[in-house]
Structure formats: C-alpha cells, structure tokens
Amino acid sequence: MTMELISLILNFLFGAGLFVTLVTLKSVKEEAKGKAQKAIAEAEKEVASVKKDEIQNVEAAIKIWREMAESMADRHDATMREVQALRQEVNRLRLINNRIVRLLDKITPDNLQNTVDKIKQEMQNDEDMAHSSAIHPAVNRV
C-alpha cells in the first residue's frame, strides 16, 4: 500500500505538471495569436499609409505635368503668333524686293536718276504704309 500511495502521489504530481504545462501552452498560444493579429493590423496600417503616399505622389506629378502642358500651350500659341507676324514681314519684304528688281531691270543710262528716285519713293511709301498699318490697330483700340 505504501507503494501504491507513493505511486499515487507521483502520478498526482506528474499529472498536475502536465495540466500546468497544457494551461501554459494554451496561454502562450493565445499570446502569440494576439501578437500576430497586432502585427497584421500594423502591417495593414502601413500598407494603407504607403498607398496614401503613392496616391499623393501621383497627384503631385499630375499637377506638375498639367502645369507644364498649360505653360507649353501658352508658349506654343505665342510662338505661332510670332511665326505668323514673321511670315507677313517676309512676304512684305519679298514683294518689295521683287518690285525693286523689276525697277532695276528698267534702269538705263538715260533714266538712272529718275528710276532711283522712283524706287526710293516707293520704298518710302511701303515703309510708311507698313508703319501706319502697325500703328492703326493700336489707335483703333484706344
């Protein structure tokens, strides 16, 4: 009976140790599960923050590109106006040159001074006309 009593006491001690181990394992498992859930929540929060930053970066880039496009459109319009004005000036000068060449072809030793005076007069008339047409729109706006 003493053997049985010793066996019973040992079984109780070892059985209670198993119970304590099982309870400890359960609490460790629940703690690890809680930490894992917390880590998942923090990771999801970080992912959301990164996505928000990426969206803000994309919006900033879009704003920069839009401003650049608008600026380029304005510069393009101004350049096209300048090109048109230069085309008109080139055409005007080409007409003057053609007229001068025709008049020069008509020069002979007999009419030299008369033709030169005529060319000068036409050049002055063209210059006055170009000057008045440049001033005329400004006068009309006033």
N, C-alpha and C. Protein backbone atom coordinates (compact mmCIF):
# COMPACT_ATOMS: atom_id res chain seq x y z
N MET A 1 0.82 -1.17 0.00
CA MET A 1 0.00 0.00 0.00
C MET A 1 0.87 1.25 0.00
N THR A 2 1.97 1.16 0.63
CA THR A 2 2.85 2.31 0.60
C THR A 2 3.36 2.56 -0.83
N MET A 3 3.52 1.51 -1.53
CA MET A 3 3.92 1.67 -2.92
C MET A 3 2.81 2.33 -3.71
N GLU A 4 1.65 1.92 -3.41
CA GLU A 4 0.52 2.49 -4.12
C GLU A 4 0.35 3.97 -3.77
N LEU A 5 0.58 4.25 -2.50
CA LEU A 5 0.48 5.64 -2.07
C LEU A 5 1.56 6.48 -2.73
N ILE A 6 2.76 5.97 -2.79
CA ILE A 6 3.86 6.71 -3.44
C ILE A 6 3.54 6.86 -4.92
N SER A 7 3.04 5.82 -5.54
CA SER A 7 2.70 5.86 -6.94
C SER A 7 1.58 6.87 -7.19
N LEU A 8 0.62 6.88 -6.28
CA LEU A 8 -0.49 7.83 -6.41
C LEU A 8 0.00 9.26 -6.26
N ILE A 9 0.90 9.51 -5.32
CA ILE A 9 1.44 10.86 -5.11
C ILE A 9 2.27 11.28 -6.34
N LEU A 10 3.07 10.36 -6.84
CA LEU A 10 3.89 10.67 -8.01
C LEU A 10 3.00 10.93 -9.24
N ASN A 11 1.99 10.12 -9.40
CA ASN A 11 1.05 10.33 -10.51
C ASN A 11 0.36 11.69 -10.40
N PHE A 12 -0.01 12.03 -9.20
CA PHE A 12 -0.67 13.30 -8.98
C PHE A 12 0.27 14.47 -9.31
N LEU A 13 1.52 14.35 -8.85
CA LEU A 13 2.49 15.41 -9.11
C LEU A 13 2.79 15.54 -10.62
N PHE A 14 3.04 14.39 -11.23
CA PHE A 14 3.33 14.44 -12.66
C PHE A 14 2.08 14.81 -13.48
N GLY A 15 0.94 14.36 -13.06
CA GLY A 15 -0.32 14.69 -13.74
C GLY A 15 -0.62 16.17 -13.61
N ALA A 16 -0.39 16.74 -12.46
CA ALA A 16 -0.61 18.16 -12.24
C ALA A 16 0.38 18.96 -13.07
N GLY A 17 1.61 18.48 -13.24
CA GLY A 17 2.62 19.14 -14.07
C GLY A 17 2.18 19.16 -15.53
N LEU A 18 1.57 18.10 -15.98
CA LEU A 18 1.06 18.03 -17.34
C LEU A 18 -0.07 19.03 -17.53
N PHE A 19 -0.92 19.11 -16.53
CA PHE A 19 -2.03 20.06 -16.58
C PHE A 19 -1.51 21.49 -16.65
N VAL A 20 -0.51 21.77 -15.81
CA VAL A 20 0.09 23.12 -15.80
C VAL A 20 0.75 23.40 -17.14
N THR A 21 1.43 22.43 -17.70
CA THR A 21 2.06 22.59 -19.00
C THR A 21 1.03 22.88 -20.07
N LEU A 22 -0.08 22.15 -20.06
CA LEU A 22 -1.14 22.37 -21.04
C LEU A 22 -1.75 23.77 -20.90
N VAL A 23 -1.97 24.21 -19.68
CA VAL A 23 -2.52 25.55 -19.44
C VAL A 23 -1.52 26.60 -19.92
N THR A 24 -0.25 26.39 -19.61
CA THR A 24 0.80 27.33 -20.03
C THR A 24 0.88 27.40 -21.55
N LEU A 25 0.84 26.24 -22.20
CA LEU A 25 0.89 26.21 -23.66
C LEU A 25 -0.30 26.95 -24.27
N LYS A 26 -1.46 26.79 -23.67
CA LYS A 26 -2.66 27.46 -24.17
C LYS A 26 -2.50 28.97 -24.04
N SER A 27 -2.00 29.45 -22.91
CA SER A 27 -1.84 30.90 -22.73
C SER A 27 -0.75 31.45 -23.66
N VAL A 28 0.32 30.66 -23.87
CA VAL A 28 1.37 31.10 -24.80
C VAL A 28 0.82 31.17 -26.22
N LYS A 29 -0.01 30.20 -26.57
CA LYS A 29 -0.62 30.18 -27.89
C LYS A 29 -1.53 31.39 -28.09
N GLU A 30 -2.33 31.73 -27.09
CA GLU A 30 -3.22 32.90 -27.18
C GLU A 30 -2.41 34.19 -27.26
N GLU A 31 -1.32 34.27 -26.52
CA GLU A 31 -0.46 35.46 -26.55
C GLU A 31 0.16 35.61 -27.94
N ALA A 32 0.65 34.49 -28.50
CA ALA A 32 1.26 34.54 -29.84
C ALA A 32 0.21 34.93 -30.89
N LYS A 33 -1.00 34.43 -30.74
CA LYS A 33 -2.08 34.77 -31.66
C LYS A 33 -2.40 36.27 -31.58
N GLY A 34 -2.41 36.81 -30.37
CA GLY A 34 -2.65 38.25 -30.19
C GLY A 34 -1.56 39.09 -30.83
N LYS A 35 -0.29 38.67 -30.62
CA LYS A 35 0.83 39.39 -31.24
C LYS A 35 0.75 39.33 -32.75
N ALA A 36 0.38 38.17 -33.28
CA ALA A 36 0.27 38.01 -34.73
C ALA A 36 -0.84 38.92 -35.28
N GLN A 37 -1.96 38.97 -34.61
CA GLN A 37 -3.06 39.83 -35.05
C GLN A 37 -2.65 41.31 -34.99
N LYS A 38 -1.91 41.67 -33.94
CA LYS A 38 -1.44 43.05 -33.81
C LYS A 38 -0.46 43.37 -34.94
N ALA A 39 0.43 42.43 -35.26
CA ALA A 39 1.40 42.64 -36.34
C ALA A 39 0.68 42.78 -37.69
N ILE A 40 -0.36 41.97 -37.89
CA ILE A 40 -1.14 42.05 -39.14
C ILE A 40 -1.83 43.41 -39.24
N ALA A 41 -2.41 43.87 -38.14
CA ALA A 41 -3.08 45.16 -38.14
C ALA A 41 -2.09 46.29 -38.43
N GLU A 42 -0.91 46.23 -37.83
CA GLU A 42 0.11 47.26 -38.08
C GLU A 42 0.59 47.22 -39.54
N ALA A 43 0.74 46.01 -40.08
CA ALA A 43 1.16 45.88 -41.48
C ALA A 43 0.10 46.45 -42.42
N GLU A 44 -1.17 46.17 -42.14
CA GLU A 44 -2.25 46.71 -42.96
C GLU A 44 -2.29 48.24 -42.88
N LYS A 45 -2.03 48.76 -41.67
CA LYS A 45 -2.00 50.21 -41.49
C LYS A 45 -0.84 50.80 -42.30
N GLU A 46 0.31 50.15 -42.27
CA GLU A 46 1.48 50.62 -43.00
C GLU A 46 1.23 50.57 -44.51
N VAL A 47 0.59 49.50 -44.98
CA VAL A 47 0.27 49.38 -46.40
C VAL A 47 -0.68 50.51 -46.81
N ALA A 48 -1.68 50.80 -45.99
CA ALA A 48 -2.61 51.88 -46.28
C ALA A 48 -1.88 53.23 -46.33
N SER A 49 -0.94 53.42 -45.42
CA SER A 49 -0.16 54.66 -45.41
C SER A 49 0.69 54.78 -46.66
N VAL A 50 1.32 53.69 -47.07
CA VAL A 50 2.14 53.69 -48.28
C VAL A 50 1.28 53.99 -49.51
N LYS A 51 0.10 53.37 -49.58
CA LYS A 51 -0.80 53.62 -50.71
C LYS A 51 -1.23 55.08 -50.74
N LYS A 52 -1.50 55.64 -49.57
CA LYS A 52 -1.90 57.05 -49.49
C LYS A 52 -0.76 57.93 -49.99
N ASP A 53 0.48 57.63 -49.58
CA ASP A 53 1.64 58.40 -50.03
C ASP A 53 1.82 58.28 -51.54
N GLU A 54 1.63 57.07 -52.06
CA GLU A 54 1.77 56.87 -53.51
C GLU A 54 0.71 57.68 -54.26
N ILE A 55 -0.50 57.69 -53.78
CA ILE A 55 -1.57 58.46 -54.43
C ILE A 55 -1.24 59.95 -54.39
N GLN A 56 -0.73 60.42 -53.26
CA GLN A 56 -0.36 61.83 -53.16
C GLN A 56 0.78 62.16 -54.13
N ASN A 57 1.74 61.25 -54.26
CA ASN A 57 2.85 61.46 -55.20
C ASN A 57 2.35 61.50 -56.64
N VAL A 58 1.43 60.61 -56.98
CA VAL A 58 0.87 60.59 -58.33
C VAL A 58 0.09 61.87 -58.60
N GLU A 59 -0.70 62.32 -57.62
CA GLU A 59 -1.45 63.57 -57.79
C GLU A 59 -0.51 64.75 -57.97
N ALA A 60 0.58 64.77 -57.23
CA ALA A 60 1.56 65.86 -57.37
C ALA A 60 2.20 65.82 -58.76
N ALA A 61 2.52 64.63 -59.23
CA ALA A 61 3.11 64.50 -60.57
C ALA A 61 2.12 64.95 -61.64
N ILE A 62 0.86 64.59 -61.47
CA ILE A 62 -0.17 65.00 -62.43
C ILE A 62 -0.27 66.52 -62.46
N LYS A 63 -0.24 67.14 -61.30
CA LYS A 63 -0.33 68.60 -61.22
C LYS A 63 0.85 69.25 -61.94
N ILE A 64 2.05 68.72 -61.71
CA ILE A 64 3.24 69.26 -62.36
C ILE A 64 3.12 69.11 -63.88
N TRP A 65 2.72 67.94 -64.36
CA TRP A 65 2.60 67.71 -65.80
C TRP A 65 1.53 68.61 -66.41
N ARG A 66 0.41 68.79 -65.69
CA ARG A 66 -0.66 69.65 -66.19
C ARG A 66 -0.17 71.09 -66.32
N GLU A 67 0.55 71.58 -65.31
CA GLU A 67 1.08 72.94 -65.36
C GLU A 67 2.08 73.09 -66.51
N MET A 68 2.91 72.07 -66.70
CA MET A 68 3.88 72.12 -67.80
C MET A 68 3.15 72.14 -69.15
N ALA A 69 2.10 71.34 -69.28
CA ALA A 69 1.35 71.30 -70.54
C ALA A 69 0.69 72.64 -70.82
N GLU A 70 0.11 73.24 -69.77
CA GLU A 70 -0.53 74.55 -69.95
C GLU A 70 0.50 75.60 -70.33
N SER A 71 1.65 75.57 -69.67
CA SER A 71 2.72 76.52 -69.99
C SER A 71 3.20 76.32 -71.42
N MET A 72 3.37 75.07 -71.82
CA MET A 72 3.82 74.79 -73.19
C MET A 72 2.77 75.24 -74.20
N ALA A 73 1.50 75.07 -73.88
CA ALA A 73 0.43 75.51 -74.79
C ALA A 73 0.47 77.02 -74.95
N ASP A 74 0.67 77.73 -73.85
CA ASP A 74 0.75 79.19 -73.91
C ASP A 74 1.95 79.63 -74.76
N ARG A 75 3.09 78.99 -74.51
CA ARG A 75 4.28 79.33 -75.28
C ARG A 75 4.10 78.98 -76.76
N HIS A 76 3.44 77.87 -77.03
CA HIS A 76 3.18 77.47 -78.40
C HIS A 76 2.31 78.51 -79.10
N ASP A 77 1.26 78.97 -78.43
CA ASP A 77 0.39 79.99 -79.02
C ASP A 77 1.16 81.27 -79.30
N ALA A 78 1.99 81.70 -78.36
CA ALA A 78 2.78 82.91 -78.55
C ALA A 78 3.75 82.73 -79.72
N THR A 79 4.37 81.57 -79.80
CA THR A 79 5.31 81.29 -80.89
C THR A 79 4.59 81.29 -82.23
N MET A 80 3.40 80.72 -82.27
CA MET A 80 2.65 80.71 -83.53
C MET A 80 2.27 82.12 -83.95
N ARG A 81 1.92 82.99 -83.01
CA ARG A 81 1.64 84.39 -83.35
C ARG A 81 2.89 85.06 -83.90
N GLU A 82 4.03 84.81 -83.28
CA GLU A 82 5.29 85.39 -83.76
C GLU A 82 5.63 84.86 -85.15
N VAL A 83 5.42 83.58 -85.39
CA VAL A 83 5.69 82.99 -86.70
C VAL A 83 4.80 83.64 -87.76
N GLN A 84 3.54 83.82 -87.43
CA GLN A 84 2.62 84.46 -88.39
C GLN A 84 3.06 85.88 -88.70
N ALA A 85 3.46 86.64 -87.67
CA ALA A 85 3.93 88.00 -87.89
C ALA A 85 5.20 87.99 -88.75
N LEU A 86 6.10 87.06 -88.50
CA LEU A 86 7.32 86.97 -89.30
C LEU A 86 7.03 86.57 -90.75
N ARG A 87 6.04 85.69 -90.95
CA ARG A 87 5.65 85.32 -92.31
C ARG A 87 5.14 86.54 -93.07
N GLN A 88 4.33 87.32 -92.40
CA GLN A 88 3.80 88.52 -93.04
C GLN A 88 4.94 89.48 -93.39
N GLU A 89 5.88 89.64 -92.48
CA GLU A 89 7.01 90.53 -92.73
C GLU A 89 7.87 90.00 -93.88
N VAL A 90 8.11 88.70 -93.93
CA VAL A 90 8.90 88.12 -95.02
C VAL A 90 8.18 88.31 -96.34
N ASN A 91 6.88 88.10 -96.35
CA ASN A 91 6.11 88.30 -97.59
C ASN A 91 6.17 89.76 -98.04
N ARG A 92 6.05 90.67 -97.11
CA ARG A 92 6.13 92.10 -97.43
C ARG A 92 7.50 92.43 -98.00
N LEU A 93 8.55 91.94 -97.37
CA LEU A 93 9.91 92.21 -97.86
C LEU A 93 10.16 91.55 -99.22
N ARG A 94 9.60 90.38 -99.43
CA ARG A 94 9.74 89.69 -100.72
C ARG A 94 9.07 90.51 -101.83
N LEU A 95 7.91 91.04 -101.54
CA LEU A 95 7.23 91.88 -102.53
C LEU A 95 8.05 93.13 -102.85
N ILE A 96 8.61 93.73 -101.82
CA ILE A 96 9.45 94.92 -102.02
C ILE A 96 10.67 94.56 -102.86
N ASN A 97 11.30 93.46 -102.55
CA ASN A 97 12.48 93.03 -103.32
C ASN A 97 12.12 92.77 -104.78
N ASN A 98 11.00 92.09 -104.99
CA ASN A 98 10.58 91.82 -106.36
C ASN A 98 10.33 93.12 -107.12
N ARG A 99 9.69 94.07 -106.48
CA ARG A 99 9.41 95.36 -107.10
C ARG A 99 10.72 96.08 -107.43
N ILE A 100 11.68 96.04 -106.50
CA ILE A 100 12.98 96.69 -106.72
C ILE A 100 13.71 96.04 -107.89
N VAL A 101 13.68 94.71 -107.94
CA VAL A 101 14.35 94.00 -109.04
C VAL A 101 13.72 94.40 -110.37
N ARG A 102 12.39 94.46 -110.44
CA ARG A 102 11.73 94.87 -111.68
C ARG A 102 12.13 96.30 -112.07
N LEU A 103 12.19 97.19 -111.07
CA LEU A 103 12.56 98.56 -111.37
C LEU A 103 14.03 98.67 -111.77
N LEU A 104 14.88 97.88 -111.15
CA LEU A 104 16.30 97.89 -111.52
C LEU A 104 16.50 97.39 -112.95
N ASP A 105 15.66 96.43 -113.34
CA ASP A 105 15.75 95.92 -114.71
C ASP A 105 15.42 97.01 -115.73
N LYS A 106 14.63 97.98 -115.31
CA LYS A 106 14.21 99.05 -116.21
C LYS A 106 15.23 100.20 -116.29
N ILE A 107 16.26 100.16 -115.48
CA ILE A 107 17.23 101.24 -115.45
C ILE A 107 18.09 101.21 -116.72
N THR A 108 18.19 102.38 -117.28
CA THR A 108 19.09 102.58 -118.41
C THR A 108 19.93 103.81 -118.08
N PRO A 109 21.02 104.07 -118.81
CA PRO A 109 21.83 105.25 -118.50
C PRO A 109 21.03 106.55 -118.64
N ASP A 110 20.01 106.53 -119.45
CA ASP A 110 19.21 107.75 -119.66
C ASP A 110 18.26 108.03 -118.48
N ASN A 111 17.67 107.00 -117.89
CA ASN A 111 16.67 107.21 -116.82
C ASN A 111 17.18 106.81 -115.44
N LEU A 112 18.47 106.77 -115.24
CA LEU A 112 19.07 106.32 -113.98
C LEU A 112 18.58 107.12 -112.79
N GLN A 113 18.77 108.41 -112.83
CA GLN A 113 18.40 109.22 -111.66
C GLN A 113 16.89 109.19 -111.45
N ASN A 114 16.13 109.24 -112.47
CA ASN A 114 14.68 109.23 -112.37
C ASN A 114 14.18 107.90 -111.76
N THR A 115 14.74 106.78 -112.18
CA THR A 115 14.34 105.47 -111.67
C THR A 115 14.77 105.30 -110.21
N VAL A 116 15.95 105.75 -109.87
CA VAL A 116 16.43 105.66 -108.48
C VAL A 116 15.51 106.46 -107.57
N ASP A 117 15.11 107.66 -108.01
CA ASP A 117 14.18 108.46 -107.20
C ASP A 117 12.84 107.77 -107.05
N LYS A 118 12.39 107.14 -108.13
CA LYS A 118 11.12 106.41 -108.09
C LYS A 118 11.19 105.23 -107.10
N ILE A 119 12.30 104.50 -107.12
CA ILE A 119 12.49 103.36 -106.20
C ILE A 119 12.50 103.86 -104.76
N LYS A 120 13.23 104.94 -104.52
CA LYS A 120 13.28 105.49 -103.16
C LYS A 120 11.88 105.90 -102.70
N GLN A 121 11.12 106.52 -103.60
CA GLN A 121 9.77 106.97 -103.26
C GLN A 121 8.87 105.77 -102.94
N GLU A 122 8.95 104.71 -103.72
CA GLU A 122 8.13 103.52 -103.46
C GLU A 122 8.53 102.84 -102.16
N MET A 123 9.82 102.81 -101.90
CA MET A 123 10.28 102.20 -100.64
C MET A 123 9.77 103.02 -99.46
N GLN A 124 9.81 104.34 -99.60
CA GLN A 124 9.31 105.20 -98.52
C GLN A 124 7.80 105.00 -98.33
N ASN A 125 7.06 104.90 -99.45
CA ASN A 125 5.61 104.68 -99.37
C ASN A 125 5.31 103.34 -98.70
N ASP A 126 6.05 102.29 -99.07
CA ASP A 126 5.84 100.96 -98.45
C ASP A 126 6.16 101.00 -96.96
N GLU A 127 7.23 101.69 -96.63
CA GLU A 127 7.62 101.78 -95.22
C GLU A 127 6.57 102.55 -94.42
N ASP A 128 6.07 103.67 -95.01
CA ASP A 128 5.02 104.44 -94.32
C ASP A 128 3.75 103.62 -94.17
N MET A 129 3.41 102.87 -95.21
CA MET A 129 2.20 102.05 -95.15
C MET A 129 2.35 100.94 -94.10
N ALA A 130 3.49 100.31 -94.04
CA ALA A 130 3.73 99.27 -93.05
C ALA A 130 3.70 99.86 -91.65
N HIS A 131 4.26 101.04 -91.51
CA HIS A 131 4.27 101.70 -90.21
C HIS A 131 2.86 102.11 -89.79
N SER A 132 2.09 102.63 -90.71
CA SER A 132 0.73 103.06 -90.37
C SER A 132 -0.17 101.86 -90.10
N SER A 133 0.04 100.73 -90.80
CA SER A 133 -0.78 99.54 -90.53
C SER A 133 -0.41 98.94 -89.18
N ALA A 134 0.83 99.13 -88.75
CA ALA A 134 1.23 98.64 -87.43
C ALA A 134 0.67 99.51 -86.35
N ILE A 135 0.55 100.83 -86.61
CA ILE A 135 0.02 101.75 -85.61
C ILE A 135 -1.50 101.71 -85.61
N HIS A 136 -2.09 101.51 -86.78
CA HIS A 136 -3.54 101.60 -86.95
C HIS A 136 -4.33 100.73 -85.96
N PRO A 137 -4.02 99.44 -85.77
CA PRO A 137 -4.77 98.64 -84.80
C PRO A 137 -4.64 99.18 -83.38
N ALA A 138 -3.48 99.74 -83.04
CA ALA A 138 -3.31 100.28 -81.70
C ALA A 138 -4.17 101.51 -81.52
N VAL A 139 -4.29 102.34 -82.58
CA VAL A 139 -5.13 103.54 -82.50
C VAL A 139 -6.59 103.13 -82.37
N ASN A 140 -6.99 102.11 -83.08
CA ASN A 140 -8.37 101.67 -83.00
C ASN A 140 -8.75 101.15 -81.62
N ARG A 141 -7.80 100.56 -80.91
CA ARG A 141 -8.09 100.04 -79.57
C ARG A 141 -8.25 101.14 -78.55
N VAL A 142 -7.60 102.29 -78.76
CA VAL A 142 -7.66 103.40 -77.82
C VAL A 142 -8.97 104.05 -77.96
